C-alpha atoms as a PDB file:
ATOM      1  CA  MET A   1     -19.090  -7.095  -9.167  1.00  0.00           C
ATOM      2  CA  ARG A   2     -17.221  -4.281  -7.613  1.00  0.00           C
ATOM      3  CA  ARG A   3     -19.337  -1.809  -5.694  1.00  0.00           C
ATOM      4  CA  ARG A   4     -18.864   2.024  -6.352  1.00  0.00           C
ATOM      5  CA  ILE A   5     -17.240   3.946  -3.955  1.00  0.00           C
ATOM      6  CA  ALA A   6     -18.591   7.468  -3.816  1.00  0.00           C
ATOM      7  CA  ALA A   7     -15.632   9.815  -2.851  1.00  0.00           C
ATOM      8  CA  THR A   8     -16.732  12.987  -1.016  1.00  0.00           C
ATOM      9  CA  VAL A   9     -14.376  15.173  -3.047  1.00  0.00           C
ATOM     10  CA  LEU A  10     -12.481  14.491  -6.279  1.00  0.00           C
ATOM     11  CA  SER A  11      -8.780  13.712  -5.433  1.00  0.00           C
ATOM     12  CA  ARG A  12      -5.234  13.990  -6.998  1.00  0.00           C
ATOM     13  CA  VAL A  13      -4.214  10.587  -6.073  1.00  0.00           C
ATOM     14  CA  PHE A  14      -0.009   9.764  -6.435  1.00  0.00           C
ATOM     15  CA  LEU A  15      -0.155   6.085  -6.445  1.00  0.00           C
ATOM     16  CA  ALA A  16       3.585   5.012  -6.308  1.00  0.00           C
ATOM     17  CA  GLY A  17       3.813   1.373  -7.371  1.00  0.00           C
ATOM     18  CA  ALA A  18       1.053   1.701  -9.820  1.00  0.00           C
ATOM     19  CA  THR A  19       1.964  -1.569 -11.952  1.00  0.00           C
ATOM     20  CA  GLY A  20       2.696  -3.820  -9.376  1.00  0.00           C
ATOM     21  CA  ALA A  21      -0.042  -6.700  -8.455  1.00  0.00           C
ATOM     22  CA  ILE A  22      -2.177  -4.489  -6.124  1.00  0.00           C
ATOM     23  CA  GLY A  23      -1.546  -1.215  -8.338  1.00  0.00           C
ATOM     24  CA  ARG A  24      -3.016  -2.952 -11.346  1.00  0.00           C
ATOM     25  CA  GLN A  25      -6.107  -3.609  -9.511  1.00  0.00           C
ATOM     26  CA  LEU A  26      -6.421  -0.079  -7.823  1.00  0.00           C
ATOM     27  CA  VAL A  27      -5.750   2.625 -10.512  1.00  0.00           C
ATOM     28  CA  PRO A  28      -9.052   1.362 -12.421  1.00  0.00           C
ATOM     29  CA  MET A  29     -10.672   1.883  -9.240  1.00  0.00           C
ATOM     30  CA  LEU A  30      -9.685   4.827  -8.126  1.00  0.00           C
ATOM     31  CA  VAL A  31     -10.226   6.502 -11.928  1.00  0.00           C
ATOM     32  CA  ALA A  32     -13.749   5.083 -11.602  1.00  0.00           C
ATOM     33  CA  ASP A  33     -14.283   6.672  -8.457  1.00  0.00           C
ATOM     34  CA  GLY A  34     -13.558  10.267  -9.866  1.00  0.00           C
ATOM     35  CA  HIS A  35      -9.950  10.780  -8.667  1.00  0.00           C
ATOM     36  CA  ASP A  36      -6.964  12.351 -10.774  1.00  0.00           C
ATOM     37  CA  VAL A  37      -4.703   9.180 -10.667  1.00  0.00           C
ATOM     38  CA  ARG A  38      -1.040   9.539 -11.478  1.00  0.00           C
ATOM     39  CA  GLY A  39       1.051   6.062 -11.050  1.00  0.00           C
ATOM     40  CA  THR A  40       4.632   5.480 -10.743  1.00  0.00           C
ATOM     41  CA  THR A  41       6.404   2.811 -13.032  1.00  0.00           C
ATOM     42  CA  ARG A  42      10.282   2.014 -13.187  1.00  0.00           C
ATOM     43  CA  ALA A  43       9.858   0.321 -16.657  1.00  0.00           C
ATOM     44  CA  ALA A  44       8.644   2.957 -19.423  1.00  0.00           C
ATOM     45  CA  SER A  45       7.443  -0.117 -21.452  1.00  0.00           C
ATOM     46  CA  ARG A  46       4.708  -0.455 -18.809  1.00  0.00           C
ATOM     47  CA  ALA A  47       3.330   3.518 -19.360  1.00  0.00           C
ATOM     48  CA  PRO A  48       0.723   2.628 -21.708  1.00  0.00           C
ATOM     49  CA  ALA A  49      -0.933   0.212 -19.499  1.00  0.00           C
ATOM     50  CA  LEU A  50      -1.718   2.886 -17.184  1.00  0.00           C
ATOM     51  CA  THR A  51      -2.240   5.456 -19.825  1.00  0.00           C
ATOM     52  CA  ALA A  52      -5.025   2.981 -20.912  1.00  0.00           C
ATOM     53  CA  ALA A  53      -6.337   2.523 -17.853  1.00  0.00           C
ATOM     54  CA  GLY A  54      -6.998   6.451 -17.035  1.00  0.00           C
ATOM     55  CA  ALA A  55      -3.930   7.308 -15.039  1.00  0.00           C
ATOM     56  CA  ILE A  56      -0.912   9.651 -16.140  1.00  0.00           C
ATOM     57  CA  PRO A  57       2.044   7.685 -15.828  1.00  0.00           C
ATOM     58  CA  VAL A  58       5.041   8.803 -14.433  1.00  0.00           C
ATOM     59  CA  VAL A  59       8.303   7.023 -14.654  1.00  0.00           C
ATOM     60  CA  LEU A  60      10.924   6.808 -12.376  1.00  0.00           C
ATOM     61  CA  ASP A  61      12.803   4.850  -9.730  1.00  0.00           C
ATOM     62  CA  ALA A  62      11.407   5.683  -6.483  1.00  0.00           C
ATOM     63  CA  THR A  63      15.261   5.279  -4.951  1.00  0.00           C
ATOM     64  CA  ASP A  64      16.073   8.137  -6.815  1.00  0.00           C
ATOM     65  CA  ARG A  65      15.665  10.656  -4.641  1.00  0.00           C
ATOM     66  CA  ALA A  66      15.283  13.691  -6.781  1.00  0.00           C
ATOM     67  CA  ALA A  67      13.361  12.139  -9.023  1.00  0.00           C
ATOM     68  CA  VAL A  68      10.551  11.325  -6.747  1.00  0.00           C
ATOM     69  CA  THR A  69      11.084  14.926  -5.176  1.00  0.00           C
ATOM     70  CA  GLY A  70      10.266  16.298  -8.964  1.00  0.00           C
ATOM     71  CA  ALA A  71       7.386  14.117  -9.749  1.00  0.00           C
ATOM     72  CA  LEU A  72       5.637  15.050  -6.312  1.00  0.00           C
ATOM     73  CA  THR A  73       6.341  18.839  -6.684  1.00  0.00           C
ATOM     74  CA  GLU A  74       4.908  18.539 -10.121  1.00  0.00           C
ATOM     75  CA  ALA A  75       1.656  16.132  -9.280  1.00  0.00           C
ATOM     76  CA  ARG A  76       0.895  18.464  -5.874  1.00  0.00           C
ATOM     77  CA  PRO A  77      -1.478  15.466  -5.028  1.00  0.00           C
ATOM     78  CA  ASP A  78      -3.951  15.529  -2.279  1.00  0.00           C
ATOM     79  CA  VAL A  79      -2.970  11.798  -1.206  1.00  0.00           C
ATOM     80  CA  VAL A  80      -0.018   9.699  -1.997  1.00  0.00           C
ATOM     81  CA  ILE A  81      -0.592   5.914  -1.971  1.00  0.00           C
ATOM     82  CA  HIS A  82       2.487   3.429  -1.580  1.00  0.00           C
ATOM     83  CA  GLU A  83       2.437   0.148  -2.726  1.00  0.00           C
ATOM     84  CA  LEU A  84       6.053  -0.223  -3.689  1.00  0.00           C
ATOM     85  CA  THR A  85       7.806  -3.685  -3.681  1.00  0.00           C
ATOM     86  CA  ASP A  86      10.582  -5.483  -5.955  1.00  0.00           C
ATOM     87  CA  LEU A  87       9.166  -8.981  -6.159  1.00  0.00           C
ATOM     88  CA  ALA A  88       9.253  -9.492  -9.822  1.00  0.00           C
ATOM     89  CA  GLY A  89      10.806 -12.625  -9.207  1.00  0.00           C
ATOM     90  CA  GLY A  90       7.921 -14.064  -6.726  1.00  0.00           C
ATOM     91  CA  ILE A  91       8.493 -13.908  -3.087  1.00  0.00           C
ATOM     92  CA  ARG A  92      12.127 -15.623  -2.957  1.00  0.00           C
ATOM     93  CA  PRO A  93      14.394 -14.707   0.041  1.00  0.00           C
ATOM     94  CA  GLU A  94      15.983 -12.360  -2.437  1.00  0.00           C
ATOM     95  CA  ASP A  95      13.249 -10.445  -3.555  1.00  0.00           C
ATOM     96  CA  VAL A  96      11.957 -10.221   0.030  1.00  0.00           C
ATOM     97  CA  SER A  97      15.217  -8.479   0.889  1.00  0.00           C
ATOM     98  CA  ALA A  98      15.162  -6.215  -1.996  1.00  0.00           C
ATOM     99  CA  THR A  99      11.732  -5.270  -1.313  1.00  0.00           C
ATOM    100  CA  SER A 100      12.567  -4.490   2.210  1.00  0.00           C
ATOM    101  CA  ARG A 101      15.393  -2.233   0.881  1.00  0.00           C
ATOM    102  CA  LEU A 102      13.440  -0.522  -1.180  1.00  0.00           C
ATOM    103  CA  ARG A 103      10.644   0.206   1.439  1.00  0.00           C
ATOM    104  CA  GLN A 104      13.616   1.453   3.469  1.00  0.00           C
ATOM    105  CA  VAL A 105      14.987   3.658   0.713  1.00  0.00           C
ATOM    106  CA  ALA A 106      11.774   4.973  -1.040  1.00  0.00           C
ATOM    107  CA  THR A 107       9.540   5.410   1.908  1.00  0.00           C
ATOM    108  CA  ALA A 108      12.102   8.086   3.455  1.00  0.00           C
ATOM    109  CA  ASN A 109      12.249   9.585  -0.429  1.00  0.00           C
ATOM    110  CA  LEU A 110       8.306  10.066  -0.623  1.00  0.00           C
ATOM    111  CA  VAL A 111       7.814  11.275   3.101  1.00  0.00           C
ATOM    112  CA  ASP A 112      10.562  13.893   2.514  1.00  0.00           C
ATOM    113  CA  ALA A 113       8.993  14.497  -0.912  1.00  0.00           C
ATOM    114  CA  MET A 114       5.969  14.965   0.210  1.00  0.00           C
ATOM    115  CA  LEU A 115       7.186  17.594   3.290  1.00  0.00           C
ATOM    116  CA  ALA A 116       8.597  19.554   0.512  1.00  0.00           C
ATOM    117  CA  ALA A 117       5.763  19.694  -1.696  1.00  0.00           C
ATOM    118  CA  GLY A 118       3.385  20.265   1.240  1.00  0.00           C
ATOM    119  CA  VAL A 119       1.516  16.918   0.823  1.00  0.00           C
ATOM    120  CA  ARG A 120       0.277  15.285   3.927  1.00  0.00           C
ATOM    121  CA  ARG A 121      -1.714  12.620   3.483  1.00  0.00           C
ATOM    122  CA  LEU A 122       0.097   9.204   3.180  1.00  0.00           C
ATOM    123  CA  ILE A 123      -1.542   5.687   2.639  1.00  0.00           C
ATOM    124  CA  ALA A 124       1.138   2.672   2.882  1.00  0.00           C
ATOM    125  CA  GLN A 125       1.127  -0.855   2.848  1.00  0.00           C
ATOM    126  CA  SER A 126       2.186  -3.005   5.209  1.00  0.00           C
ATOM    127  CA  GLY A 127       1.709  -6.702   6.514  1.00  0.00           C
ATOM    128  CA  ALA A 128      -0.569  -8.589   8.701  1.00  0.00           C
ATOM    129  CA  TRP A 129       1.592 -11.327   9.240  1.00  0.00           C
ATOM    130  CA  LEU A 130       4.594  -9.443  11.470  1.00  0.00           C
ATOM    131  CA  TYR A 131       2.559  -9.424  14.918  1.00  0.00           C
ATOM    132  CA  ALA A 132       4.883 -10.635  17.905  1.00  0.00           C
ATOM    133  CA  PRO A 133       3.113 -13.830  19.444  1.00  0.00           C
ATOM    134  CA  GLY A 134       0.499 -13.238  21.588  1.00  0.00           C
ATOM    135  CA  PRO A 135      -3.291 -13.839  21.426  1.00  0.00           C
ATOM    136  CA  VAL A 136      -5.408 -13.986  18.322  1.00  0.00           C
ATOM    137  CA  PRO A 137      -7.021 -12.598  16.481  1.00  0.00           C
ATOM    138  CA  HIS A 138      -4.726  -9.697  16.466  1.00  0.00           C
ATOM    139  CA  LEU A 139      -5.514  -6.288  16.847  1.00  0.00           C
ATOM    140  CA  GLU A 140      -4.167  -3.395  14.954  1.00  0.00           C
ATOM    141  CA  ASP A 141      -2.417  -2.331  18.599  1.00  0.00           C
ATOM    142  CA  ASP A 142      -0.817  -5.436  19.325  1.00  0.00           C
ATOM    143  CA  PRO A 143       2.927  -5.128  18.699  1.00  0.00           C
ATOM    144  CA  LEU A 144       4.881  -6.526  15.794  1.00  0.00           C
ATOM    145  CA  LEU A 145       8.128  -8.403  15.859  1.00  0.00           C
ATOM    146  CA  ASP A 146      10.865  -6.907  17.729  1.00  0.00           C
ATOM    147  CA  PRO A 147      13.917  -6.583  15.184  1.00  0.00           C
ATOM    148  CA  ALA A 148      16.357  -6.782  18.510  1.00  0.00           C
ATOM    149  CA  THR A 149      14.984 -10.391  18.984  1.00  0.00           C
ATOM    150  CA  ASN A 150      14.802 -11.115  15.127  1.00  0.00           C
ATOM    151  CA  PRO A 151      17.744  -9.746  13.544  1.00  0.00           C
ATOM    152  CA  ASN A 152      17.821 -12.161  10.580  1.00  0.00           C
ATOM    153  CA  HIS A 153      14.164 -11.535   9.268  1.00  0.00           C
ATOM    154  CA  ARG A 154      14.171 -10.372   5.612  1.00  0.00           C
ATOM    155  CA  GLY A 155      10.760  -8.215   5.811  1.00  0.00           C
ATOM    156  CA  LEU A 156      10.879  -6.629   9.012  1.00  0.00           C
ATOM    157  CA  PRO A 157      13.304  -3.767   8.756  1.00  0.00           C
ATOM    158  CA  GLY A 158      11.602  -2.692   5.330  1.00  0.00           C
ATOM    159  CA  ILE A 159       7.897  -2.661   7.381  1.00  0.00           C
ATOM    160  CA  LEU A 160       8.899  -1.131  10.457  1.00  0.00           C
ATOM    161  CA  ALA A 161      10.726   1.757   8.049  1.00  0.00           C
ATOM    162  CA  VAL A 162       7.272   2.105   6.352  1.00  0.00           C
ATOM    163  CA  GLU A 163       5.008   2.345   9.202  1.00  0.00           C
ATOM    164  CA  GLY A 164       7.563   4.401  11.481  1.00  0.00           C
ATOM    165  CA  LEU A 165       7.898   7.036   8.614  1.00  0.00           C
ATOM    166  CA  THR A 166       4.176   7.172   7.888  1.00  0.00           C
ATOM    167  CA  LEU A 167       2.970   7.273  11.353  1.00  0.00           C
ATOM    168  CA  GLY A 168       5.695   9.261  12.844  1.00  0.00           C
ATOM    169  CA  THR A 169       6.718  11.941  10.640  1.00  0.00           C
ATOM    170  CA  PRO A 170       5.309  15.535  12.017  1.00  0.00           C
ATOM    171  CA  GLY A 171       3.345  17.010   8.902  1.00  0.00           C
ATOM    172  CA  ILE A 172       2.314  13.729   7.744  1.00  0.00           C
ATOM    173  CA  ASP A 173      -0.991  12.340   8.094  1.00  0.00           C
ATOM    174  CA  GLY A 174      -0.392   8.720   7.925  1.00  0.00           C
ATOM    175  CA  THR A 175      -2.782   5.592   7.216  1.00  0.00           C
ATOM    176  CA  VAL A 176      -1.448   2.309   7.011  1.00  0.00           C
ATOM    177  CA  LEU A 177      -2.855  -0.978   5.975  1.00  0.00           C
ATOM    178  CA  ARG A 178      -1.582  -4.266   7.197  1.00  0.00           C
ATOM    179  CA  TYR A 179      -2.262  -6.404   4.079  1.00  0.00           C
ATOM    180  CA  GLY A 180      -2.748 -10.132   4.097  1.00  0.00           C
ATOM    181  CA  LEU A 181      -0.829 -12.502   1.766  1.00  0.00           C
ATOM    182  CA  PHE A 182      -2.430 -11.631  -1.422  1.00  0.00           C
ATOM    183  CA  TYR A 183      -3.855 -14.262  -3.583  1.00  0.00           C
ATOM    184  CA  GLY A 184      -5.934 -14.061  -7.010  1.00  0.00           C
ATOM    185  CA  PRO A 185      -5.105 -12.613 -10.254  1.00  0.00           C
ATOM    186  CA  GLY A 186      -1.403 -11.218 -10.927  1.00  0.00           C
ATOM    187  CA  THR A 187      -0.524 -12.735  -7.619  1.00  0.00           C
ATOM    188  CA  VAL A 188       2.075 -16.098  -6.977  1.00  0.00           C
ATOM    189  CA  SER A 189      -1.198 -17.873  -5.819  1.00  0.00           C
ATOM    190  CA  ALA A 190      -4.788 -18.387  -7.511  1.00  0.00           C
ATOM    191  CA  GLU A 191      -6.414 -19.547  -4.118  1.00  0.00           C
ATOM    192  CA  ARG A 192      -5.577 -18.747  -0.868  1.00  0.00           C
ATOM    193  CA  ALA A 193      -2.733 -20.392   0.777  1.00  0.00           C
ATOM    194  CA  ASP A 194      -0.954 -19.140   3.998  1.00  0.00           C
ATOM    195  CA  ARG A 195      -2.736 -16.809   6.548  1.00  0.00           C
ATOM    196  CA  PRO A 196      -3.328 -13.849   7.675  1.00  0.00           C
ATOM    197  CA  SER A 197      -4.677 -13.716   3.332  1.00  0.00           C
ATOM    198  CA  VAL A 198      -6.521 -11.334   1.371  1.00  0.00           C
ATOM    199  CA  HIS A 199      -7.877 -11.568  -1.894  1.00  0.00           C
ATOM    200  CA  ILE A 200      -6.108  -8.877  -4.079  1.00  0.00           C
ATOM    201  CA  VAL A 201      -9.253  -7.251  -5.504  1.00  0.00           C
ATOM    202  CA  ALA A 202     -10.706  -7.151  -1.952  1.00  0.00           C
ATOM    203  CA  ALA A 203      -7.351  -5.196  -0.654  1.00  0.00           C
ATOM    204  CA  ALA A 204      -7.420  -2.640  -3.573  1.00  0.00           C
ATOM    205  CA  MET A 205     -11.242  -2.273  -2.635  1.00  0.00           C
ATOM    206  CA  ALA A 206      -9.832  -1.763   0.938  1.00  0.00           C
ATOM    207  CA  THR A 207      -7.417   1.243  -0.285  1.00  0.00           C
ATOM    208  CA  ALA A 208     -10.028   2.804  -2.508  1.00  0.00           C
ATOM    209  CA  LEU A 209     -12.218   3.145   0.712  1.00  0.00           C
ATOM    210  CA  ALA A 210      -9.294   4.557   2.663  1.00  0.00           C
ATOM    211  CA  VAL A 211      -8.873   6.914   0.254  1.00  0.00           C
ATOM    212  CA  ALA A 212     -12.672   8.024   0.057  1.00  0.00           C
ATOM    213  CA  ALA A 213     -13.176   7.593   3.747  1.00  0.00           C
ATOM    214  CA  ASP A 214      -9.715  10.002   4.359  1.00  0.00           C
ATOM    215  CA  VAL A 215      -9.207   8.003   7.776  1.00  0.00           C
ATOM    216  CA  ARG A 216      -5.796   7.503   9.776  1.00  0.00           C
ATOM    217  CA  GLY A 217      -4.069   5.114  11.894  1.00  0.00           C
ATOM    218  CA  ILE A 218      -3.959   1.247  11.233  1.00  0.00           C
ATOM    219  CA  PHE A 219      -6.288  -1.244   9.692  1.00  0.00           C
ATOM    220  CA  ASN A 220      -5.922  -5.126   8.955  1.00  0.00           C
ATOM    221  CA  ILE A 221      -6.773  -6.004   5.516  1.00  0.00           C
ATOM    222  CA  VAL A 222      -7.663  -9.653   5.892  1.00  0.00           C
ATOM    223  CA  ASP A 223      -9.950 -12.031   5.227  1.00  0.00           C
ATOM    224  CA  ASP A 224     -12.128 -12.952   7.974  1.00  0.00           C
ATOM    225  CA  GLY A 225     -11.449 -15.769  10.418  1.00  0.00           C
ATOM    226  CA  ASP A 226      -7.523 -14.840  10.281  1.00  0.00           C
ATOM    227  CA  ASP A 227      -5.191 -14.453  13.002  1.00  0.00           C
ATOM    228  CA  ALA A 228      -5.442 -10.840  12.482  1.00  0.00           C
ATOM    229  CA  SER A 229      -8.681  -8.636  12.975  1.00  0.00           C
ATOM    230  CA  ASN A 230     -10.672  -7.208  10.468  1.00  0.00           C
ATOM    231  CA  ASP A 231     -13.026  -5.708  12.531  1.00  0.00           C
ATOM    232  CA  ARG A 232     -11.531  -1.819  12.058  1.00  0.00           C
ATOM    233  CA  ALA A 233     -11.599  -1.927   8.375  1.00  0.00           C
ATOM    234  CA  ARG A 234     -15.099  -3.384   8.518  1.00  0.00           C
ATOM    235  CA  SER A 235     -16.503  -0.897  10.761  1.00  0.00           C
ATOM    236  CA  ILE A 236     -14.377   2.459   9.340  1.00  0.00           C
ATOM    237  CA  LEU A 237     -13.811   1.537   5.919  1.00  0.00           C
ATOM    238  CA  GLY A 238     -17.181  -0.212   5.199  1.00  0.00           C
ATOM    239  CA  TRP A 239     -15.348  -2.579   3.942  1.00  0.00           C
ATOM    240  CA  ASP A 240     -16.070  -6.446   2.975  1.00  0.00           C
ATOM    241  CA  PRO A 241     -13.281  -8.821   2.232  1.00  0.00           C
ATOM    242  CA  ASP A 242     -15.388 -10.959   0.203  1.00  0.00           C
ATOM    243  CA  ALA A 243     -16.082  -8.471  -2.139  1.00  0.00           C
ATOM    244  CA  ARG A 244     -14.815  -9.144  -5.773  1.00  0.00           C
END
């Protein structure tokens, strides 16, 4: 059973990508913790599910700069959570490429809209499977793959854009969650397969903990024994990768 997180301050949360695999798990957690949640979806047909979960639906295309700016200006959230992907078809090469393009465009739109609206906190999704070769388990300050020597990597440009904008934009207090590959309900695999991995519910719990803890920097959100270390998430967030 999910352990309740005690948020010290009620927050207004803007969750971009609220109807994706992690968003569906995360919305009810944030609502249960007492946060006021607005969640985005591209499909109006998914808005009732967000309402039923206790969130305010925001129907928009995150590649539409004006729409993103208008939504954030209206919401004036305390924190933005970026969980946008384009993986409706699964993890086929074309879906990975589409997600990479989305991350590049939508992250820039979110960051620019946050600056325009005076919003500072950004928590963004990244991946723990993109570390450059080296001793394992990888720590958060280990380098990621070099795009110059990996020019054909479909997912790398999007991840680098997310991390660069989240952590390197003046005026933005950024937190990057490097999730393992998701497994569990609503994902492509019911059971853990590849490494590094993380159960979708545990990943959502880590994200909720990051909101409550008001932390900054990079955290590996992965199962125990993976090629990336989860020690920082355990010690600072109080996260347990086995929690469900």
